[in-house]
N, C-alpha and C. Protein backbone atom coordinates (compact mmCIF):
# COMPACT_ATOMS: atom_id res chain seq x y z
N UNK A 1 119.09 112.73 122.31
CA UNK A 1 119.00 113.74 121.28
C UNK A 1 119.40 113.12 119.93
N UNK A 2 118.69 113.48 118.88
CA UNK A 2 118.94 112.93 117.55
C UNK A 2 120.06 113.73 116.87
N UNK A 3 120.98 112.99 116.25
CA UNK A 3 122.08 113.67 115.57
C UNK A 3 121.56 114.35 114.31
N UNK A 4 122.28 115.36 113.86
CA UNK A 4 121.89 116.14 112.68
C UNK A 4 121.82 115.28 111.41
N UNK A 5 122.81 114.42 111.13
CA UNK A 5 122.70 113.57 109.92
C UNK A 5 121.47 112.67 109.96
N UNK A 6 121.15 112.12 111.12
CA UNK A 6 119.97 111.26 111.25
C UNK A 6 118.70 112.08 111.05
N UNK A 7 118.68 113.27 111.58
CA UNK A 7 117.54 114.16 111.41
C UNK A 7 117.33 114.49 109.92
N UNK A 8 118.42 114.75 109.21
CA UNK A 8 118.32 115.06 107.77
C UNK A 8 117.80 113.86 106.98
N UNK A 9 118.31 112.66 107.31
CA UNK A 9 117.84 111.46 106.62
C UNK A 9 116.36 111.22 106.87
N UNK A 10 115.93 111.42 108.10
CA UNK A 10 114.51 111.24 108.42
C UNK A 10 113.68 112.26 107.66
N UNK A 11 114.16 113.49 107.60
CA UNK A 11 113.46 114.54 106.87
C UNK A 11 113.36 114.19 105.39
N UNK A 12 114.46 113.69 104.81
CA UNK A 12 114.45 113.28 103.41
C UNK A 12 113.49 112.13 103.18
N UNK A 13 113.45 111.18 104.10
CA UNK A 13 112.55 110.03 103.99
C UNK A 13 111.09 110.50 103.93
N UNK A 14 110.71 111.37 104.84
CA UNK A 14 109.32 111.85 104.87
C UNK A 14 109.00 112.73 103.67
N UNK A 15 109.96 113.51 103.22
CA UNK A 15 109.74 114.33 102.04
C UNK A 15 109.53 113.44 100.81
N UNK A 16 110.35 112.39 100.66
CA UNK A 16 110.19 111.46 99.55
C UNK A 16 108.84 110.73 99.65
N UNK A 17 108.47 110.34 100.84
CA UNK A 17 107.18 109.68 101.06
C UNK A 17 106.04 110.61 100.65
N UNK A 18 106.12 111.88 101.02
CA UNK A 18 105.10 112.86 100.63
C UNK A 18 105.03 113.02 99.12
N UNK A 19 106.18 113.06 98.44
CA UNK A 19 106.20 113.18 96.97
C UNK A 19 105.55 111.97 96.32
N UNK A 20 105.86 110.79 96.85
CA UNK A 20 105.27 109.57 96.28
C UNK A 20 103.75 109.57 96.47
N UNK A 21 103.29 109.98 97.64
CA UNK A 21 101.84 110.06 97.88
C UNK A 21 101.20 111.08 96.95
N UNK A 22 101.85 112.22 96.77
CA UNK A 22 101.32 113.26 95.88
C UNK A 22 101.26 112.75 94.45
N UNK A 23 102.29 112.05 94.00
CA UNK A 23 102.31 111.51 92.63
C UNK A 23 101.17 110.51 92.44
N UNK A 24 100.93 109.68 93.44
CA UNK A 24 99.85 108.69 93.36
C UNK A 24 98.50 109.39 93.32
N UNK A 25 98.33 110.40 94.15
CA UNK A 25 97.06 111.15 94.17
C UNK A 25 96.82 111.87 92.85
N UNK A 26 97.85 112.47 92.30
CA UNK A 26 97.71 113.18 91.02
C UNK A 26 97.38 112.19 89.90
N UNK A 27 97.98 111.01 89.93
CA UNK A 27 97.71 110.01 88.90
C UNK A 27 96.25 109.57 88.94
N UNK A 28 95.62 109.62 90.11
CA UNK A 28 94.22 109.20 90.26
C UNK A 28 93.26 110.38 90.35
N UNK A 29 93.73 111.57 90.01
CA UNK A 29 92.92 112.79 90.18
C UNK A 29 91.59 112.71 89.46
N UNK A 30 91.54 112.07 88.32
CA UNK A 30 90.29 111.99 87.54
C UNK A 30 89.22 111.19 88.27
N UNK A 31 89.62 110.36 89.22
CA UNK A 31 88.62 109.56 89.95
C UNK A 31 88.06 110.28 91.18
N UNK A 32 88.61 111.44 91.49
CA UNK A 32 88.12 112.22 92.63
C UNK A 32 86.98 113.14 92.20
N UNK A 33 86.14 113.50 93.13
CA UNK A 33 85.08 114.46 92.85
C UNK A 33 85.61 115.89 92.91
N UNK A 34 86.58 116.12 93.78
CA UNK A 34 87.14 117.46 93.96
C UNK A 34 88.65 117.34 94.05
N UNK A 35 89.33 118.41 93.64
CA UNK A 35 90.79 118.42 93.66
C UNK A 35 91.24 119.76 94.23
N UNK A 36 91.91 119.74 95.36
CA UNK A 36 92.40 120.96 96.01
C UNK A 36 93.91 120.83 96.17
N UNK A 37 94.63 121.81 95.66
CA UNK A 37 96.08 121.84 95.81
C UNK A 37 96.41 122.77 96.96
N UNK A 38 97.17 122.26 97.90
CA UNK A 38 97.48 123.01 99.11
C UNK A 38 98.76 123.83 98.93
N UNK A 39 98.80 124.67 97.89
CA UNK A 39 99.98 125.51 97.67
C UNK A 39 99.85 126.82 98.43
N UNK A 40 98.65 127.36 98.49
CA UNK A 40 98.36 128.58 99.23
C UNK A 40 97.28 128.23 100.24
N UNK A 41 97.61 128.30 101.52
CA UNK A 41 96.70 127.80 102.56
C UNK A 41 95.36 128.52 102.55
N UNK A 42 95.36 129.84 102.34
CA UNK A 42 94.10 130.58 102.33
C UNK A 42 93.21 130.14 101.16
N UNK A 43 93.81 129.97 100.00
CA UNK A 43 93.05 129.54 98.83
C UNK A 43 92.54 128.11 99.02
N UNK A 44 93.38 127.23 99.58
CA UNK A 44 92.98 125.84 99.82
C UNK A 44 91.81 125.78 100.80
N UNK A 45 91.86 126.59 101.85
CA UNK A 45 90.76 126.62 102.82
C UNK A 45 89.48 127.10 102.15
N UNK A 46 89.57 128.15 101.34
CA UNK A 46 88.39 128.64 100.62
C UNK A 46 87.81 127.56 99.71
N UNK A 47 88.68 126.83 99.03
CA UNK A 47 88.21 125.77 98.13
C UNK A 47 87.53 124.64 98.90
N UNK A 48 88.10 124.24 100.01
CA UNK A 48 87.51 123.17 100.82
C UNK A 48 86.16 123.62 101.39
N UNK A 49 86.09 124.85 101.85
CA UNK A 49 84.80 125.37 102.36
C UNK A 49 83.76 125.41 101.25
N UNK A 50 84.16 125.75 100.03
CA UNK A 50 83.25 125.74 98.90
C UNK A 50 82.74 124.33 98.61
N UNK A 51 83.63 123.35 98.70
CA UNK A 51 83.24 121.96 98.49
C UNK A 51 82.23 121.54 99.56
N UNK A 52 82.51 121.87 100.81
CA UNK A 52 81.59 121.51 101.90
C UNK A 52 80.22 122.15 101.69
N UNK A 53 80.21 123.40 101.29
CA UNK A 53 78.95 124.09 101.04
C UNK A 53 78.19 123.42 99.89
N UNK A 54 78.89 123.11 98.82
CA UNK A 54 78.26 122.46 97.67
C UNK A 54 77.70 121.10 98.04
N UNK A 55 78.43 120.34 98.83
CA UNK A 55 77.97 119.01 99.23
C UNK A 55 76.73 119.09 100.12
N UNK A 56 76.67 120.09 100.96
CA UNK A 56 75.47 120.25 101.81
C UNK A 56 74.23 120.57 100.98
N UNK A 57 74.42 121.20 99.83
CA UNK A 57 73.30 121.60 98.98
C UNK A 57 72.99 120.57 97.89
N UNK A 58 73.74 119.48 97.83
CA UNK A 58 73.52 118.45 96.81
C UNK A 58 72.11 117.88 96.98
N UNK A 59 71.34 117.86 95.93
CA UNK A 59 69.95 117.42 95.98
C UNK A 59 69.83 116.00 96.53
N UNK A 60 70.74 115.12 96.15
CA UNK A 60 70.65 113.74 96.65
C UNK A 60 70.76 113.70 98.17
N UNK A 61 71.56 114.58 98.75
CA UNK A 61 71.67 114.62 100.22
C UNK A 61 70.40 115.20 100.83
N UNK A 62 69.85 116.21 100.18
CA UNK A 62 68.63 116.81 100.69
C UNK A 62 67.48 115.81 100.65
N UNK A 63 67.43 114.99 99.61
CA UNK A 63 66.38 113.97 99.51
C UNK A 63 66.53 112.94 100.62
N UNK A 64 67.77 112.55 100.92
CA UNK A 64 68.01 111.55 101.97
C UNK A 64 67.50 112.04 103.31
N UNK A 65 67.78 113.29 103.64
CA UNK A 65 67.38 113.84 104.92
C UNK A 65 66.01 114.48 104.87
N UNK A 66 65.43 114.53 103.71
CA UNK A 66 64.14 115.18 103.54
C UNK A 66 64.36 116.67 103.35
N UNK A 67 63.75 117.22 102.35
CA UNK A 67 63.83 118.66 102.13
C UNK A 67 62.81 119.28 103.05
N UNK A 68 63.24 120.00 104.10
CA UNK A 68 62.32 120.47 105.14
C UNK A 68 61.10 121.20 104.61
N UNK A 69 61.28 122.12 103.69
CA UNK A 69 60.13 122.89 103.25
C UNK A 69 59.17 122.05 102.43
N UNK A 70 59.64 120.94 101.87
CA UNK A 70 58.76 120.10 101.08
C UNK A 70 58.21 118.93 101.89
N UNK A 71 58.94 118.46 102.89
CA UNK A 71 58.49 117.30 103.63
C UNK A 71 57.54 117.65 104.77
N UNK A 72 57.62 118.88 105.28
CA UNK A 72 56.73 119.27 106.38
C UNK A 72 55.29 119.41 105.92
N UNK A 73 55.08 119.91 104.71
CA UNK A 73 53.74 120.09 104.16
C UNK A 73 53.73 119.68 102.71
N UNK A 74 52.59 119.31 102.25
CA UNK A 74 52.44 118.99 100.84
C UNK A 74 51.92 120.24 100.17
N UNK A 75 52.85 121.11 99.78
CA UNK A 75 52.46 122.39 99.20
C UNK A 75 52.91 122.46 97.75
N UNK A 76 52.13 123.11 96.95
CA UNK A 76 52.54 123.38 95.57
C UNK A 76 52.29 124.85 95.29
N UNK A 77 52.91 125.33 94.30
CA UNK A 77 52.71 126.72 93.89
C UNK A 77 51.89 126.68 92.61
N UNK A 78 50.73 127.34 92.66
CA UNK A 78 49.87 127.37 91.48
C UNK A 78 49.50 128.81 91.21
N UNK A 79 49.76 129.24 90.02
CA UNK A 79 49.40 130.60 89.64
C UNK A 79 50.04 131.66 90.51
N UNK A 80 51.24 131.39 91.01
CA UNK A 80 51.95 132.39 91.80
C UNK A 80 51.57 132.41 93.27
N UNK A 81 50.66 131.53 93.72
CA UNK A 81 50.31 131.51 95.15
C UNK A 81 50.38 130.08 95.67
N UNK A 82 50.62 129.95 96.93
CA UNK A 82 50.74 128.66 97.55
C UNK A 82 49.38 128.06 97.82
N UNK A 83 49.22 126.77 97.56
CA UNK A 83 47.98 126.09 97.90
C UNK A 83 48.31 124.84 98.68
N UNK A 84 47.50 124.47 99.62
CA UNK A 84 47.70 123.28 100.43
C UNK A 84 47.20 122.06 99.70
N UNK A 85 47.82 120.92 99.93
CA UNK A 85 47.32 119.66 99.42
C UNK A 85 47.59 119.40 97.96
N UNK A 86 48.44 120.17 97.34
CA UNK A 86 48.85 119.88 95.97
C UNK A 86 47.87 120.34 94.92
N UNK A 87 46.89 121.14 95.24
CA UNK A 87 45.98 121.49 94.19
C UNK A 87 45.51 122.85 94.32
């Protein structure tokens, strides 16, 4: 069994380590694409889900995997109606 003073020192060590990591992350915040602060778990989850949704809709990702409605057929819209073959 771990003694109480040892448990407190270990807790302080990990808390200090977390603060140092947070300080480093905040110092580099401008280099991140997204920044989520985990102060309120429900809000943080909503923000992360929003990021995931936005990333799935990023045009560059859609181009990589092919945009299904555009890659299955060569369709264009002309005069308000769909035409096959681009014309």
